[in-house]
Amino acid sequence: MRHEEIKDWKQQDFKRLTGINHETFKKMLTVLERELPNFGRPAKLSRADQLLMTLMYWREYRTQFHIAGSYGISEATVCRTINKVEDALVRSGEFHLPGKKVLQPSNTLFEVVLVDVSEQPIERPKKSSEDTTAAKRSATPKKHK
């Protein structure tokens, strides 16, 4: 899918496809224009298409083989383009995800159940003379010397 096809989409549909809104896409595109120089043979994809391809790679987890088929370029070109775009966006420092330690407010209501699992002595029956059977001493023969 090319950028020319989706640039006039509604904000909601554009965000569903790419994961970002139009304004963020435009900011990323200006960073790419600034960070990536134009020299040598012209690329088959425009900067907007390169950015869109990278966003779709991140968003959909499609293999580079399938993306290459969709855009009519080689798998190696997809890999190089994604790496170039990622590096340029990271170098700019304008786009980053919050760190691990940033706490997000949660709507989860926690319900806590406490269980006392301390050790308890087991109640065992007391030994008594009634419970044991005693044999008479005379019932067993003794050896006398």
N, C-alpha and C. Protein backbone atom coordinates (compact mmCIF):
# COMPACT_ATOMS: atom_id res chain seq x y z
N MET A 1 0.84 -1.17 0.00
CA MET A 1 0.00 0.00 0.00
C MET A 1 0.89 1.24 0.00
N ARG A 2 0.60 2.15 -0.86
CA ARG A 2 1.40 3.36 -1.01
C ARG A 2 0.79 4.51 -0.22
N HIS A 3 1.64 5.49 0.10
CA HIS A 3 1.19 6.64 0.87
C HIS A 3 0.17 7.46 0.09
N GLU A 4 0.31 7.52 -1.21
CA GLU A 4 -0.63 8.28 -2.04
C GLU A 4 -2.05 7.74 -1.91
N GLU A 5 -2.17 6.43 -1.67
CA GLU A 5 -3.49 5.82 -1.57
C GLU A 5 -4.18 6.13 -0.24
N ILE A 6 -3.39 6.34 0.81
CA ILE A 6 -3.99 6.47 2.15
C ILE A 6 -3.85 7.87 2.75
N LYS A 7 -3.23 8.80 2.06
CA LYS A 7 -2.99 10.11 2.66
C LYS A 7 -4.27 10.88 2.94
N ASP A 8 -5.36 10.57 2.23
CA ASP A 8 -6.63 11.27 2.44
C ASP A 8 -7.60 10.48 3.32
N TRP A 9 -7.13 9.42 3.92
CA TRP A 9 -8.00 8.62 4.79
C TRP A 9 -8.37 9.42 6.03
N LYS A 10 -9.47 9.01 6.66
CA LYS A 10 -9.86 9.63 7.92
C LYS A 10 -8.80 9.32 8.97
N GLN A 11 -8.73 10.20 9.96
CA GLN A 11 -7.74 10.07 11.03
C GLN A 11 -7.83 8.70 11.71
N GLN A 12 -9.04 8.26 11.99
CA GLN A 12 -9.24 7.00 12.69
C GLN A 12 -8.73 5.81 11.87
N ASP A 13 -9.03 5.80 10.58
CA ASP A 13 -8.59 4.70 9.71
C ASP A 13 -7.08 4.72 9.51
N PHE A 14 -6.52 5.91 9.37
CA PHE A 14 -5.07 6.03 9.21
C PHE A 14 -4.36 5.50 10.45
N LYS A 15 -4.89 5.82 11.61
CA LYS A 15 -4.27 5.36 12.86
C LYS A 15 -4.44 3.85 13.02
N ARG A 16 -5.56 3.32 12.58
CA ARG A 16 -5.75 1.86 12.65
C ARG A 16 -4.74 1.13 11.78
N LEU A 17 -4.38 1.73 10.66
CA LEU A 17 -3.44 1.08 9.75
C LEU A 17 -2.00 1.22 10.22
N THR A 18 -1.61 2.43 10.61
CA THR A 18 -0.20 2.70 10.90
C THR A 18 0.15 2.72 12.38
N GLY A 19 -0.83 2.98 13.23
CA GLY A 19 -0.55 3.08 14.66
C GLY A 19 -0.24 4.49 15.12
N ILE A 20 -0.17 5.43 14.18
CA ILE A 20 0.09 6.84 14.53
C ILE A 20 -0.90 7.72 13.77
N ASN A 21 -1.01 8.98 14.18
CA ASN A 21 -1.93 9.88 13.47
C ASN A 21 -1.18 10.65 12.37
N HIS A 22 -1.94 11.41 11.59
CA HIS A 22 -1.37 12.13 10.44
C HIS A 22 -0.27 13.11 10.87
N GLU A 23 -0.48 13.82 11.98
CA GLU A 23 0.50 14.82 12.42
C GLU A 23 1.83 14.17 12.77
N THR A 24 1.78 13.05 13.47
CA THR A 24 3.01 12.34 13.82
C THR A 24 3.70 11.83 12.57
N PHE A 25 2.92 11.34 11.61
CA PHE A 25 3.50 10.87 10.36
C PHE A 25 4.23 12.01 9.65
N LYS A 26 3.61 13.19 9.63
CA LYS A 26 4.25 14.34 8.97
C LYS A 26 5.53 14.75 9.68
N LYS A 27 5.52 14.72 11.03
CA LYS A 27 6.74 15.03 11.79
C LYS A 27 7.84 14.03 11.48
N MET A 28 7.48 12.75 11.44
CA MET A 28 8.47 11.72 11.12
C MET A 28 9.01 11.91 9.71
N LEU A 29 8.15 12.29 8.80
CA LEU A 29 8.57 12.49 7.41
C LEU A 29 9.54 13.66 7.30
N THR A 30 9.31 14.76 8.03
CA THR A 30 10.25 15.88 7.99
C THR A 30 11.59 15.48 8.59
N VAL A 31 11.57 14.66 9.64
CA VAL A 31 12.83 14.18 10.23
C VAL A 31 13.58 13.32 9.21
N LEU A 32 12.87 12.46 8.51
CA LEU A 32 13.52 11.62 7.50
C LEU A 32 14.11 12.45 6.37
N GLU A 33 13.37 13.46 5.93
CA GLU A 33 13.88 14.33 4.86
C GLU A 33 15.15 15.04 5.31
N ARG A 34 15.20 15.41 6.58
CA ARG A 34 16.36 16.12 7.11
C ARG A 34 17.54 15.16 7.36
N GLU A 35 17.25 13.98 7.91
CA GLU A 35 18.31 13.05 8.33
C GLU A 35 18.90 12.23 7.19
N LEU A 36 18.07 11.85 6.23
CA LEU A 36 18.54 10.98 5.15
C LEU A 36 18.84 11.81 3.90
N PRO A 37 20.09 11.87 3.52
CA PRO A 37 20.44 12.67 2.34
C PRO A 37 20.02 11.97 1.04
N ASN A 38 19.77 12.77 0.03
CA ASN A 38 19.46 12.24 -1.30
C ASN A 38 20.71 12.30 -2.15
N PHE A 39 21.29 11.15 -2.40
CA PHE A 39 22.44 11.08 -3.29
C PHE A 39 22.42 9.74 -4.00
N GLY A 40 23.13 9.67 -5.11
CA GLY A 40 23.17 8.43 -5.88
C GLY A 40 21.88 8.21 -6.66
N ARG A 41 21.67 6.96 -6.97
CA ARG A 41 20.50 6.58 -7.75
C ARG A 41 19.23 6.80 -6.93
N PRO A 42 18.19 7.35 -7.53
CA PRO A 42 16.95 7.59 -6.77
C PRO A 42 16.33 6.27 -6.31
N ALA A 43 15.77 6.30 -5.12
CA ALA A 43 15.14 5.10 -4.56
C ALA A 43 13.83 4.80 -5.29
N LYS A 44 13.47 3.54 -5.30
CA LYS A 44 12.22 3.15 -5.95
C LYS A 44 11.01 3.64 -5.15
N LEU A 45 11.18 3.73 -3.83
CA LEU A 45 10.10 4.20 -2.96
C LEU A 45 10.38 5.62 -2.50
N SER A 46 9.35 6.42 -2.41
CA SER A 46 9.50 7.77 -1.87
C SER A 46 9.76 7.68 -0.38
N ARG A 47 10.17 8.81 0.23
CA ARG A 47 10.42 8.82 1.69
C ARG A 47 9.13 8.48 2.45
N ALA A 48 8.01 8.98 1.96
CA ALA A 48 6.74 8.68 2.62
C ALA A 48 6.42 7.19 2.55
N ASP A 49 6.70 6.57 1.40
CA ASP A 49 6.46 5.13 1.27
C ASP A 49 7.44 4.33 2.13
N GLN A 50 8.67 4.81 2.23
CA GLN A 50 9.64 4.13 3.09
C GLN A 50 9.20 4.18 4.55
N LEU A 51 8.72 5.33 4.98
CA LEU A 51 8.23 5.46 6.35
C LEU A 51 6.99 4.61 6.56
N LEU A 52 6.07 4.62 5.62
CA LEU A 52 4.86 3.82 5.72
C LEU A 52 5.20 2.33 5.78
N MET A 53 6.16 1.90 4.97
CA MET A 53 6.58 0.50 4.98
C MET A 53 7.15 0.12 6.34
N THR A 54 7.96 1.00 6.93
CA THR A 54 8.54 0.73 8.25
C THR A 54 7.46 0.67 9.32
N LEU A 55 6.51 1.59 9.27
CA LEU A 55 5.42 1.59 10.24
C LEU A 55 4.57 0.33 10.12
N MET A 56 4.32 -0.10 8.91
CA MET A 56 3.54 -1.32 8.71
C MET A 56 4.32 -2.54 9.18
N TYR A 57 5.63 -2.52 9.02
CA TYR A 57 6.47 -3.61 9.52
C TYR A 57 6.37 -3.69 11.04
N TRP A 58 6.44 -2.56 11.69
CA TRP A 58 6.33 -2.53 13.16
C TRP A 58 4.94 -2.92 13.61
N ARG A 59 3.95 -2.43 12.91
CA ARG A 59 2.56 -2.60 13.34
C ARG A 59 2.03 -4.02 13.11
N GLU A 60 2.33 -4.58 11.96
CA GLU A 60 1.70 -5.84 11.56
C GLU A 60 2.58 -7.07 11.79
N TYR A 61 3.85 -6.88 12.07
CA TYR A 61 4.79 -7.99 12.25
C TYR A 61 4.84 -8.90 11.01
N ARG A 62 4.68 -8.29 9.85
CA ARG A 62 4.79 -9.06 8.61
C ARG A 62 6.25 -9.34 8.34
N THR A 63 6.52 -10.43 7.64
CA THR A 63 7.90 -10.73 7.30
C THR A 63 8.36 -9.78 6.20
N GLN A 64 9.65 -9.60 6.12
CA GLN A 64 10.20 -8.72 5.10
C GLN A 64 9.96 -9.29 3.70
N PHE A 65 9.86 -10.58 3.61
CA PHE A 65 9.56 -11.22 2.33
C PHE A 65 8.18 -10.79 1.82
N HIS A 66 7.19 -10.78 2.71
CA HIS A 66 5.84 -10.39 2.30
C HIS A 66 5.75 -8.89 1.99
N ILE A 67 6.46 -8.09 2.77
CA ILE A 67 6.47 -6.65 2.50
C ILE A 67 7.13 -6.38 1.15
N ALA A 68 8.21 -7.11 0.86
CA ALA A 68 8.89 -6.94 -0.42
C ALA A 68 7.95 -7.26 -1.58
N GLY A 69 7.15 -8.28 -1.43
CA GLY A 69 6.18 -8.63 -2.47
C GLY A 69 5.11 -7.56 -2.64
N SER A 70 4.70 -6.95 -1.53
CA SER A 70 3.66 -5.91 -1.61
C SER A 70 4.17 -4.65 -2.30
N TYR A 71 5.43 -4.31 -2.08
CA TYR A 71 5.98 -3.06 -2.63
C TYR A 71 6.76 -3.27 -3.93
N GLY A 72 6.94 -4.51 -4.34
CA GLY A 72 7.65 -4.77 -5.59
C GLY A 72 9.14 -4.49 -5.52
N ILE A 73 9.74 -4.73 -4.36
CA ILE A 73 11.18 -4.53 -4.18
C ILE A 73 11.77 -5.81 -3.58
N SER A 74 13.08 -5.87 -3.48
CA SER A 74 13.70 -7.08 -2.95
C SER A 74 13.66 -7.08 -1.42
N GLU A 75 13.82 -8.28 -0.87
CA GLU A 75 13.82 -8.43 0.58
C GLU A 75 14.99 -7.68 1.22
N ALA A 76 16.13 -7.67 0.54
CA ALA A 76 17.30 -6.95 1.06
C ALA A 76 17.04 -5.44 1.09
N THR A 77 16.33 -4.94 0.10
CA THR A 77 16.00 -3.52 0.08
C THR A 77 15.06 -3.17 1.23
N VAL A 78 14.12 -4.05 1.51
CA VAL A 78 13.22 -3.83 2.65
C VAL A 78 14.03 -3.75 3.94
N CYS A 79 14.94 -4.68 4.12
CA CYS A 79 15.77 -4.71 5.34
C CYS A 79 16.60 -3.43 5.46
N ARG A 80 17.27 -3.03 4.39
CA ARG A 80 18.09 -1.82 4.41
C ARG A 80 17.24 -0.58 4.69
N THR A 81 16.09 -0.50 4.05
CA THR A 81 15.22 0.67 4.22
C THR A 81 14.71 0.77 5.65
N ILE A 82 14.26 -0.34 6.21
CA ILE A 82 13.76 -0.33 7.59
C ILE A 82 14.87 0.08 8.55
N ASN A 83 16.06 -0.45 8.36
CA ASN A 83 17.19 -0.08 9.24
C ASN A 83 17.53 1.40 9.10
N LYS A 84 17.53 1.91 7.86
CA LYS A 84 17.82 3.33 7.63
C LYS A 84 16.80 4.23 8.31
N VAL A 85 15.53 3.90 8.15
CA VAL A 85 14.46 4.71 8.73
C VAL A 85 14.52 4.65 10.26
N GLU A 86 14.69 3.45 10.81
CA GLU A 86 14.79 3.31 12.27
C GLU A 86 15.95 4.13 12.82
N ASP A 87 17.11 4.01 12.19
CA ASP A 87 18.30 4.74 12.67
C ASP A 87 18.09 6.25 12.60
N ALA A 88 17.48 6.72 11.53
CA ALA A 88 17.25 8.16 11.39
C ALA A 88 16.29 8.67 12.46
N LEU A 89 15.24 7.92 12.74
CA LEU A 89 14.27 8.34 13.76
C LEU A 89 14.88 8.30 15.15
N VAL A 90 15.71 7.31 15.42
CA VAL A 90 16.36 7.22 16.74
C VAL A 90 17.38 8.35 16.90
N ARG A 91 18.15 8.62 15.85
CA ARG A 91 19.15 9.69 15.91
C ARG A 91 18.52 11.05 16.17
N SER A 92 17.34 11.26 15.65
CA SER A 92 16.69 12.56 15.83
C SER A 92 16.35 12.82 17.29
N GLY A 93 16.04 11.79 18.04
CA GLY A 93 15.70 11.94 19.45
C GLY A 93 14.30 12.49 19.69
N GLU A 94 13.54 12.71 18.65
CA GLU A 94 12.20 13.28 18.80
C GLU A 94 11.13 12.24 19.09
N PHE A 95 11.42 11.00 18.75
CA PHE A 95 10.42 9.94 18.89
C PHE A 95 11.00 8.84 19.76
N HIS A 96 10.35 8.60 20.88
CA HIS A 96 10.78 7.52 21.76
C HIS A 96 9.60 7.05 22.60
N LEU A 97 9.72 5.83 23.06
CA LEU A 97 8.69 5.28 23.94
C LEU A 97 9.07 5.57 25.37
N PRO A 98 8.10 5.66 26.26
CA PRO A 98 8.44 5.88 27.67
C PRO A 98 9.21 4.68 28.21
N GLY A 99 10.06 4.95 29.18
CA GLY A 99 10.88 3.89 29.75
C GLY A 99 10.06 2.91 30.58
N LYS A 100 10.75 1.88 31.06
CA LYS A 100 10.09 0.85 31.85
C LYS A 100 9.53 1.38 33.15
N LYS A 101 10.20 2.39 33.72
CA LYS A 101 9.85 2.84 35.05
C LYS A 101 8.71 3.85 35.08
N VAL A 102 8.23 4.25 33.92
CA VAL A 102 7.12 5.19 33.88
C VAL A 102 5.85 4.43 34.24
N LEU A 103 5.19 4.89 35.29
CA LEU A 103 3.98 4.21 35.73
C LEU A 103 2.78 4.75 34.97
N GLN A 104 2.01 3.85 34.48
CA GLN A 104 0.79 4.22 33.80
C GLN A 104 -0.37 4.06 34.78
N PRO A 105 -1.31 5.00 34.79
CA PRO A 105 -2.47 4.82 35.66
C PRO A 105 -3.26 3.59 35.22
N SER A 106 -3.70 2.85 36.18
CA SER A 106 -4.40 1.61 35.87
C SER A 106 -5.85 1.70 36.32
N ASN A 107 -6.72 1.15 35.52
CA ASN A 107 -8.13 1.09 35.87
C ASN A 107 -8.48 -0.23 36.55
N THR A 108 -7.47 -1.02 36.83
CA THR A 108 -7.68 -2.33 37.43
C THR A 108 -7.96 -2.18 38.91
N LEU A 109 -9.01 -2.80 39.35
CA LEU A 109 -9.35 -2.82 40.76
C LEU A 109 -8.81 -4.12 41.35
N PHE A 110 -7.91 -3.99 42.31
CA PHE A 110 -7.31 -5.17 42.90
C PHE A 110 -8.16 -5.65 44.08
N GLU A 111 -8.38 -6.92 44.15
CA GLU A 111 -9.07 -7.53 45.27
C GLU A 111 -8.06 -8.45 45.94
N VAL A 112 -7.82 -8.22 47.21
CA VAL A 112 -6.78 -8.95 47.92
C VAL A 112 -7.42 -9.94 48.87
N VAL A 113 -6.93 -11.15 48.84
CA VAL A 113 -7.37 -12.19 49.77
C VAL A 113 -6.14 -12.65 50.53
N LEU A 114 -6.19 -12.55 51.85
CA LEU A 114 -5.08 -12.99 52.68
C LEU A 114 -5.39 -14.36 53.25
N VAL A 115 -4.40 -15.22 53.22
CA VAL A 115 -4.55 -16.56 53.75
C VAL A 115 -3.47 -16.78 54.78
N ASP A 116 -3.86 -17.19 55.97
CA ASP A 116 -2.89 -17.49 57.03
C ASP A 116 -2.39 -18.91 56.82
N VAL A 117 -1.14 -19.03 56.47
CA VAL A 117 -0.57 -20.35 56.21
C VAL A 117 0.52 -20.69 57.22
N SER A 118 0.39 -20.16 58.42
CA SER A 118 1.40 -20.46 59.44
C SER A 118 1.23 -21.91 59.89
N GLU A 119 2.29 -22.48 60.43
CA GLU A 119 2.26 -23.88 60.82
C GLU A 119 1.44 -24.06 62.09
N GLN A 120 0.65 -25.10 62.09
CA GLN A 120 -0.15 -25.46 63.26
C GLN A 120 0.21 -26.88 63.67
N PRO A 121 0.29 -27.13 64.97
CA PRO A 121 0.59 -28.51 65.39
C PRO A 121 -0.58 -29.43 65.05
N ILE A 122 -0.25 -30.64 64.69
CA ILE A 122 -1.27 -31.62 64.35
C ILE A 122 -1.74 -32.28 65.64
N GLU A 123 -3.02 -32.39 65.81
CA GLU A 123 -3.55 -33.04 66.99
C GLU A 123 -3.46 -34.55 66.79
N ARG A 124 -2.74 -35.18 67.68
CA ARG A 124 -2.61 -36.63 67.63
C ARG A 124 -3.19 -37.21 68.91
N PRO A 125 -3.66 -38.42 68.84
CA PRO A 125 -4.20 -39.02 70.06
C PRO A 125 -3.11 -39.25 71.09
N LYS A 126 -3.48 -39.08 72.34
CA LYS A 126 -2.55 -39.31 73.44
C LYS A 126 -2.38 -40.81 73.63
N LYS A 127 -1.20 -41.18 74.02
CA LYS A 127 -0.96 -42.60 74.29
C LYS A 127 -1.61 -42.95 75.63
N SER A 128 -2.33 -44.01 75.60
CA SER A 128 -2.94 -44.47 76.85
C SER A 128 -2.81 -45.99 76.93
N SER A 129 -3.00 -46.50 78.10
CA SER A 129 -2.85 -47.95 78.30
C SER A 129 -4.00 -48.71 77.67
N GLU A 130 -5.12 -48.08 77.46
CA GLU A 130 -6.27 -48.75 76.86
C GLU A 130 -6.06 -49.01 75.37
N ASP A 131 -5.30 -48.13 74.72
CA ASP A 131 -5.12 -48.26 73.28
C ASP A 131 -4.11 -49.35 72.91
N THR A 132 -3.23 -49.71 73.83
CA THR A 132 -2.22 -50.72 73.52
C THR A 132 -2.67 -52.07 74.04
N THR A 133 -2.29 -53.08 73.32
CA THR A 133 -2.59 -54.44 73.77
C THR A 133 -1.33 -55.01 74.39
N ALA A 134 -1.45 -55.46 75.58
CA ALA A 134 -0.30 -56.01 76.29
C ALA A 134 -0.43 -57.53 76.35
N ALA A 135 0.65 -58.16 76.12
CA ALA A 135 0.66 -59.63 76.22
C ALA A 135 1.11 -60.02 77.62
N LYS A 136 0.61 -61.13 78.06
CA LYS A 136 1.01 -61.59 79.38
C LYS A 136 2.43 -62.10 79.31
N ARG A 137 3.17 -61.88 80.36
CA ARG A 137 4.55 -62.33 80.40
C ARG A 137 4.63 -63.85 80.39
N SER A 138 3.68 -64.46 80.91
CA SER A 138 3.75 -65.92 80.98
C SER A 138 3.45 -66.57 79.65
N ALA A 139 2.93 -65.82 78.70
CA ALA A 139 2.58 -66.40 77.42
C ALA A 139 3.81 -66.68 76.57
N THR A 140 4.89 -66.00 76.82
CA THR A 140 6.11 -66.26 76.05
C THR A 140 7.06 -67.09 76.90
N PRO A 141 7.51 -68.18 76.36
CA PRO A 141 8.44 -69.01 77.15
C PRO A 141 9.80 -68.34 77.27
N LYS A 142 10.39 -68.48 78.40
CA LYS A 142 11.70 -67.91 78.64
C LYS A 142 12.71 -69.04 78.70
N LYS A 143 13.87 -68.76 78.27
CA LYS A 143 14.96 -69.72 78.38
C LYS A 143 15.68 -69.45 79.69
N HIS A 144 15.79 -70.46 80.45
CA HIS A 144 16.53 -70.32 81.70
C HIS A 144 17.82 -71.08 81.56
N LYS A 145 18.80 -70.62 82.08
CA LYS A 145 20.07 -71.31 82.04
C LYS A 145 20.34 -72.02 83.30
